[in-house]
Amino acid sequence: MAYDSKVDALTLMTIHNSKGLEFERVVMIGIGQMNDDEAERQQSARLLYVGMTRARKYLLMTSSGNNESKPSRTLRVDP
């Protein structure tokens, strides 16, 4: 079944499949588990950006309590 913005329903998809679409609400889970490997850090940051910019009005991002002590370097903002 293809995504239809006029249908009132929950839609689950990967960030890769969300490119070009917009949603009223976006929930991104497990962002603390993003890959911090130097080779993949840029790609993780791009996917995070794509996911975040899909939300028109509400964005909820969650992370596990297990990751609180060692957050992903992709999420850190350097001054």
Protein backbone atom coordinates (compact mmCIF):
# COMPACT_ATOMS: atom_id res chain seq x y z
CA MET A 1 0.00 0.00 0.00
CA ALA A 2 1.42 3.40 -0.96
CA TYR A 3 1.50 6.38 1.41
CA ASP A 4 -1.52 8.67 1.09
CA SER A 5 -1.45 11.93 3.06
CA LYS A 6 -5.26 12.17 2.99
CA VAL A 7 -5.74 8.90 4.92
CA ASP A 8 -5.82 9.24 8.73
CA ALA A 9 -3.44 6.42 9.64
CA LEU A 10 -0.12 5.62 11.26
CA THR A 11 2.66 5.12 8.73
CA LEU A 12 5.87 3.27 9.63
CA MET A 13 8.82 3.59 7.30
CA THR A 14 12.58 3.91 7.22
CA ILE A 15 14.20 7.32 6.91
CA HIS A 16 15.42 6.28 3.47
CA ASN A 17 11.83 5.83 2.29
CA SER A 18 10.70 9.18 3.72
CA LYS A 19 12.72 11.36 1.36
CA GLY A 20 10.49 13.84 -0.44
CA LEU A 21 7.54 13.28 1.92
CA GLU A 22 6.29 15.47 4.77
CA PHE A 23 4.24 14.49 7.80
CA GLU A 24 2.35 16.42 10.47
CA ARG A 25 4.12 14.40 13.20
CA VAL A 26 7.40 12.49 13.08
CA VAL A 27 8.71 10.16 15.79
CA MET A 28 12.33 9.03 15.53
CA ILE A 29 13.36 6.32 17.97
CA GLY A 30 16.77 5.03 19.03
CA ILE A 31 18.79 7.95 17.74
CA GLY A 32 21.43 7.33 20.42
CA GLN A 33 22.30 4.12 18.60
CA MET A 34 23.48 5.91 15.48
CA ASN A 35 26.76 4.67 14.05
CA ASP A 36 29.72 6.73 15.30
CA ASP A 37 32.23 5.08 13.03
CA GLU A 38 34.18 7.90 11.30
CA ALA A 39 33.47 6.43 7.88
CA GLU A 40 29.71 6.40 8.49
CA ARG A 41 29.31 9.45 10.73
CA GLN A 42 28.51 11.83 7.85
CA GLN A 43 25.89 9.46 6.45
CA SER A 44 24.30 9.12 9.92
CA ALA A 45 24.15 12.92 10.21
CA ARG A 46 22.53 13.20 6.75
CA LEU A 47 19.89 10.60 7.63
CA LEU A 48 19.18 12.36 10.93
CA TYR A 49 18.68 15.63 9.04
CA VAL A 50 16.35 13.98 6.51
CA GLY A 51 14.27 12.44 9.28
CA MET A 52 14.05 15.69 11.25
CA THR A 53 13.01 17.78 8.26
CA ARG A 54 10.08 15.45 7.41
CA ALA A 55 8.09 16.90 10.35
CA ARG A 56 5.81 19.81 9.49
CA LYS A 57 4.63 20.52 13.03
CA TYR A 58 5.77 18.01 15.67
CA LEU A 59 9.07 16.12 16.04
CA LEU A 60 9.74 13.62 18.82
CA MET A 61 13.19 12.04 19.09
CA THR A 62 13.94 9.32 21.62
CA SER A 63 17.05 7.62 22.92
CA SER A 64 17.57 4.71 25.27
CA GLY A 65 18.64 5.34 28.87
CA ASN A 66 21.55 2.99 28.17
CA ASN A 67 23.01 5.57 25.80
CA GLU A 68 22.70 8.56 28.15
CA SER A 69 26.22 8.16 29.54
CA LYS A 70 27.80 7.89 26.12
CA PRO A 71 25.74 9.83 23.54
CA SER A 72 26.37 9.44 19.85
CA ARG A 73 29.04 11.80 18.54
CA THR A 74 26.79 12.40 15.53
CA LEU A 75 24.33 14.16 17.84
CA ARG A 76 26.95 16.37 19.54
CA VAL A 77 27.13 19.98 18.44
CA ASP A 78 30.65 21.38 18.38
CA PRO A 79 31.06 25.12 19.14
